[in-house]
Amino acid sequence: MKTKVLSLIVMFVFGTFMVFASDKTEKFEVKGNCGMCEKRIEKAALSVDGVSKADWDKETKKLEVVFDNTKTDIHKVHMAVAKVGHDTKMHKAKDEVYNELPGCCKYDRTEAKHDSHAGHKH
């Protein structure tokens, strides 16, 4: 009887731990400019199965996502955002998708090129 009760307690504790351990919050930079960008970025992040929250701040250019790391990973969120035209550190949007963005949403893409020359003296 003691073994049965003990195993039930262990299963309960382990099951509870698994529920809490699966949610992860990450924050990363996403290029964009305006409220239309915000809606597009957040919608793309939320379209990834396992993402429960997406909040992009146009002032800081940071996207905060909460996701179930048993269903998805941060790379899939970066890919979904890049797929709709917004660059991240991990994935760059395709030029043809970026070029289709409305004028107010076209952010400066030259920064990534400057980074590759950082530290080089000309």
C-alpha atoms as a PDB file:
ATOM      1  CA  MET A   1       0.000   0.000   0.000  1.00  0.00           C
ATOM      2  CA  LYS A   2       2.805   2.415   0.875  1.00  0.00           C
ATOM      3  CA  THR A   3       4.471   1.772  -2.484  1.00  0.00           C
ATOM      4  CA  LYS A   4       1.246   2.506  -4.359  1.00  0.00           C
ATOM      5  CA  VAL A   5       0.716   5.810  -2.495  1.00  0.00           C
ATOM      6  CA  LEU A   6       4.350   6.802  -2.934  1.00  0.00           C
ATOM      7  CA  SER A   7       4.273   6.076  -6.667  1.00  0.00           C
ATOM      8  CA  LEU A   8       1.071   8.130  -7.035  1.00  0.00           C
ATOM      9  CA  ILE A   9       2.717  11.064  -5.228  1.00  0.00           C
ATOM     10  CA  VAL A  10       5.824  10.802  -7.422  1.00  0.00           C
ATOM     11  CA  MET A  11       3.670  10.692 -10.580  1.00  0.00           C
ATOM     12  CA  PHE A  12       1.668  13.721  -9.428  1.00  0.00           C
ATOM     13  CA  VAL A  13       4.786  15.766  -8.629  1.00  0.00           C
ATOM     14  CA  PHE A  14       6.484  14.763 -11.899  1.00  0.00           C
ATOM     15  CA  GLY A  15       3.321  15.546 -13.914  1.00  0.00           C
ATOM     16  CA  THR A  16       3.012  18.962 -12.234  1.00  0.00           C
ATOM     17  CA  PHE A  17       6.666  19.708 -12.948  1.00  0.00           C
ATOM     18  CA  MET A  18       6.225  18.837 -16.629  1.00  0.00           C
ATOM     19  CA  VAL A  19       3.321  21.295 -16.974  1.00  0.00           C
ATOM     20  CA  PHE A  20       5.328  24.189 -15.544  1.00  0.00           C
ATOM     21  CA  ALA A  21       8.580  23.266 -17.287  1.00  0.00           C
ATOM     22  CA  SER A  22       7.102  23.415 -20.782  1.00  0.00           C
ATOM     23  CA  ASP A  23       6.353  27.172 -20.961  1.00  0.00           C
ATOM     24  CA  LYS A  24       9.325  29.287 -21.959  1.00  0.00           C
ATOM     25  CA  THR A  25       9.599  33.046 -22.502  1.00  0.00           C
ATOM     26  CA  GLU A  26      12.088  34.543 -24.955  1.00  0.00           C
ATOM     27  CA  LYS A  27      12.702  38.084 -26.126  1.00  0.00           C
ATOM     28  CA  PHE A  28      14.523  38.974 -29.347  1.00  0.00           C
ATOM     29  CA  GLU A  29      14.900  41.797 -31.849  1.00  0.00           C
ATOM     30  CA  VAL A  30      12.608  41.939 -34.881  1.00  0.00           C
ATOM     31  CA  LYS A  31      13.004  44.681 -37.486  1.00  0.00           C
ATOM     32  CA  GLY A  32       9.886  46.773 -38.080  1.00  0.00           C
ATOM     33  CA  ASN A  33       8.475  50.290 -37.845  1.00  0.00           C
ATOM     34  CA  CYS A  34       4.787  50.725 -37.159  1.00  0.00           C
ATOM     35  CA  GLY A  35       1.500  49.370 -35.845  1.00  0.00           C
ATOM     36  CA  MET A  36       0.936  47.413 -39.062  1.00  0.00           C
ATOM     37  CA  CYS A  37       4.328  45.738 -38.513  1.00  0.00           C
ATOM     38  CA  GLU A  38       3.327  44.964 -34.937  1.00  0.00           C
ATOM     39  CA  LYS A  39       0.140  43.197 -36.027  1.00  0.00           C
ATOM     40  CA  ARG A  40       1.954  41.267 -38.761  1.00  0.00           C
ATOM     41  CA  ILE A  41       4.844  40.193 -36.486  1.00  0.00           C
ATOM     42  CA  GLU A  42       2.573  39.140 -33.606  1.00  0.00           C
ATOM     43  CA  LYS A  43       0.197  37.263 -35.944  1.00  0.00           C
ATOM     44  CA  ALA A  44       3.137  35.386 -37.504  1.00  0.00           C
ATOM     45  CA  ALA A  45       4.533  34.406 -34.093  1.00  0.00           C
ATOM     46  CA  LEU A  46       1.113  33.297 -32.838  1.00  0.00           C
ATOM     47  CA  SER A  47       0.642  31.154 -35.972  1.00  0.00           C
ATOM     48  CA  VAL A  48       3.395  28.827 -34.718  1.00  0.00           C
ATOM     49  CA  ASP A  49       1.821  25.856 -32.936  1.00  0.00           C
ATOM     50  CA  GLY A  50       2.761  26.085 -29.262  1.00  0.00           C
ATOM     51  CA  VAL A  51       3.091  29.902 -29.056  1.00  0.00           C
ATOM     52  CA  SER A  52       0.609  31.280 -26.525  1.00  0.00           C
ATOM     53  CA  LYS A  53       1.692  34.936 -26.359  1.00  0.00           C
ATOM     54  CA  ALA A  54       3.438  37.346 -28.711  1.00  0.00           C
ATOM     55  CA  ASP A  55       4.056  41.022 -27.936  1.00  0.00           C
ATOM     56  CA  TRP A  56       6.221  43.222 -30.199  1.00  0.00           C
ATOM     57  CA  ASP A  57       7.254  46.665 -28.911  1.00  0.00           C
ATOM     58  CA  LYS A  58       7.797  49.151 -31.743  1.00  0.00           C
ATOM     59  CA  GLU A  59       9.987  51.364 -29.548  1.00  0.00           C
ATOM     60  CA  THR A  60      12.472  48.676 -28.510  1.00  0.00           C
ATOM     61  CA  LYS A  61      11.949  46.491 -31.645  1.00  0.00           C
ATOM     62  CA  LYS A  62      11.761  43.474 -29.304  1.00  0.00           C
ATOM     63  CA  LEU A  63       9.337  40.590 -29.597  1.00  0.00           C
ATOM     64  CA  GLU A  64       8.480  38.728 -26.410  1.00  0.00           C
ATOM     65  CA  VAL A  65       7.023  35.270 -26.964  1.00  0.00           C
ATOM     66  CA  VAL A  66       5.743  32.631 -24.591  1.00  0.00           C
ATOM     67  CA  PHE A  67       5.763  29.144 -26.054  1.00  0.00           C
ATOM     68  CA  ASP A  68       5.492  25.495 -25.087  1.00  0.00           C
ATOM     69  CA  ASN A  69       8.988  24.127 -25.683  1.00  0.00           C
ATOM     70  CA  THR A  70       7.602  20.604 -25.985  1.00  0.00           C
ATOM     71  CA  LYS A  71       5.680  21.705 -29.126  1.00  0.00           C
ATOM     72  CA  THR A  72       8.034  24.204 -30.783  1.00  0.00           C
ATOM     73  CA  ASP A  73      11.325  26.042 -30.475  1.00  0.00           C
ATOM     74  CA  ILE A  74      12.520  29.617 -30.868  1.00  0.00           C
ATOM     75  CA  HIS A  75      13.931  28.945 -34.358  1.00  0.00           C
ATOM     76  CA  LYS A  76      10.430  28.219 -35.674  1.00  0.00           C
ATOM     77  CA  VAL A  77       9.215  31.550 -34.289  1.00  0.00           C
ATOM     78  CA  HIS A  78      12.116  33.387 -35.977  1.00  0.00           C
ATOM     79  CA  MET A  79      11.349  31.592 -39.269  1.00  0.00           C
ATOM     80  CA  ALA A  80       7.626  32.471 -39.121  1.00  0.00           C
ATOM     81  CA  VAL A  81       8.422  36.150 -38.517  1.00  0.00           C
ATOM     82  CA  ALA A  82      10.992  36.243 -41.343  1.00  0.00           C
ATOM     83  CA  LYS A  83       8.500  34.533 -43.654  1.00  0.00           C
ATOM     84  CA  VAL A  84       6.165  37.554 -43.406  1.00  0.00           C
ATOM     85  CA  GLY A  85       8.961  40.048 -44.176  1.00  0.00           C
ATOM     86  CA  HIS A  86      10.678  40.917 -40.899  1.00  0.00           C
ATOM     87  CA  ASP A  87      14.374  40.233 -40.227  1.00  0.00           C
ATOM     88  CA  THR A  88      15.603  38.691 -36.975  1.00  0.00           C
ATOM     89  CA  LYS A  89      19.115  37.782 -35.833  1.00  0.00           C
ATOM     90  CA  MET A  90      18.507  34.132 -36.789  1.00  0.00           C
ATOM     91  CA  HIS A  91      16.587  34.520 -40.052  1.00  0.00           C
ATOM     92  CA  LYS A  92      16.477  37.189 -42.742  1.00  0.00           C
ATOM     93  CA  ALA A  93      13.275  37.757 -44.704  1.00  0.00           C
ATOM     94  CA  LYS A  94      13.404  37.006 -48.418  1.00  0.00           C
ATOM     95  CA  ASP A  95      13.891  40.175 -50.475  1.00  0.00           C
ATOM     96  CA  GLU A  96      10.728  39.547 -52.519  1.00  0.00           C
ATOM     97  CA  VAL A  97       8.639  39.297 -49.324  1.00  0.00           C
ATOM     98  CA  TYR A  98      10.269  42.405 -47.813  1.00  0.00           C
ATOM     99  CA  ASN A  99       9.670  44.324 -51.073  1.00  0.00           C
ATOM    100  CA  GLU A 100       5.920  43.555 -50.848  1.00  0.00           C
ATOM    101  CA  LEU A 101       5.609  45.286 -47.451  1.00  0.00           C
ATOM    102  CA  PRO A 102       3.773  48.644 -47.403  1.00  0.00           C
ATOM    103  CA  GLY A 103       6.104  51.684 -47.584  1.00  0.00           C
ATOM    104  CA  CYS A 104       5.722  52.551 -43.903  1.00  0.00           C
ATOM    105  CA  CYS A 105       6.809  49.031 -42.956  1.00  0.00           C
ATOM    106  CA  LYS A 106      10.096  49.082 -44.890  1.00  0.00           C
ATOM    107  CA  TYR A 107      12.699  49.214 -42.162  1.00  0.00           C
ATOM    108  CA  ASP A 108      16.427  49.839 -42.629  1.00  0.00           C
ATOM    109  CA  ARG A 109      18.112  46.585 -43.683  1.00  0.00           C
ATOM    110  CA  THR A 110      21.652  47.996 -44.031  1.00  0.00           C
ATOM    111  CA  GLU A 111      22.560  47.328 -40.375  1.00  0.00           C
ATOM    112  CA  ALA A 112      23.271  43.620 -41.005  1.00  0.00           C
ATOM    113  CA  LYS A 113      25.744  44.531 -43.750  1.00  0.00           C
ATOM    114  CA  HIS A 114      27.581  46.944 -41.442  1.00  0.00           C
ATOM    115  CA  ASP A 115      27.891  44.244 -38.775  1.00  0.00           C
ATOM    116  CA  SER A 116      29.871  42.022 -41.147  1.00  0.00           C
ATOM    117  CA  HIS A 117      32.517  44.743 -41.453  1.00  0.00           C
ATOM    118  CA  ALA A 118      32.635  45.596 -37.739  1.00  0.00           C
ATOM    119  CA  GLY A 119      36.191  45.693 -36.496  1.00  0.00           C
ATOM    120  CA  HIS A 120      37.721  46.052 -39.970  1.00  0.00           C
ATOM    121  CA  LYS A 121      39.653  49.246 -40.675  1.00  0.00           C
ATOM    122  CA  HIS A 122      39.482  50.751 -44.150  1.00  0.00           C
END
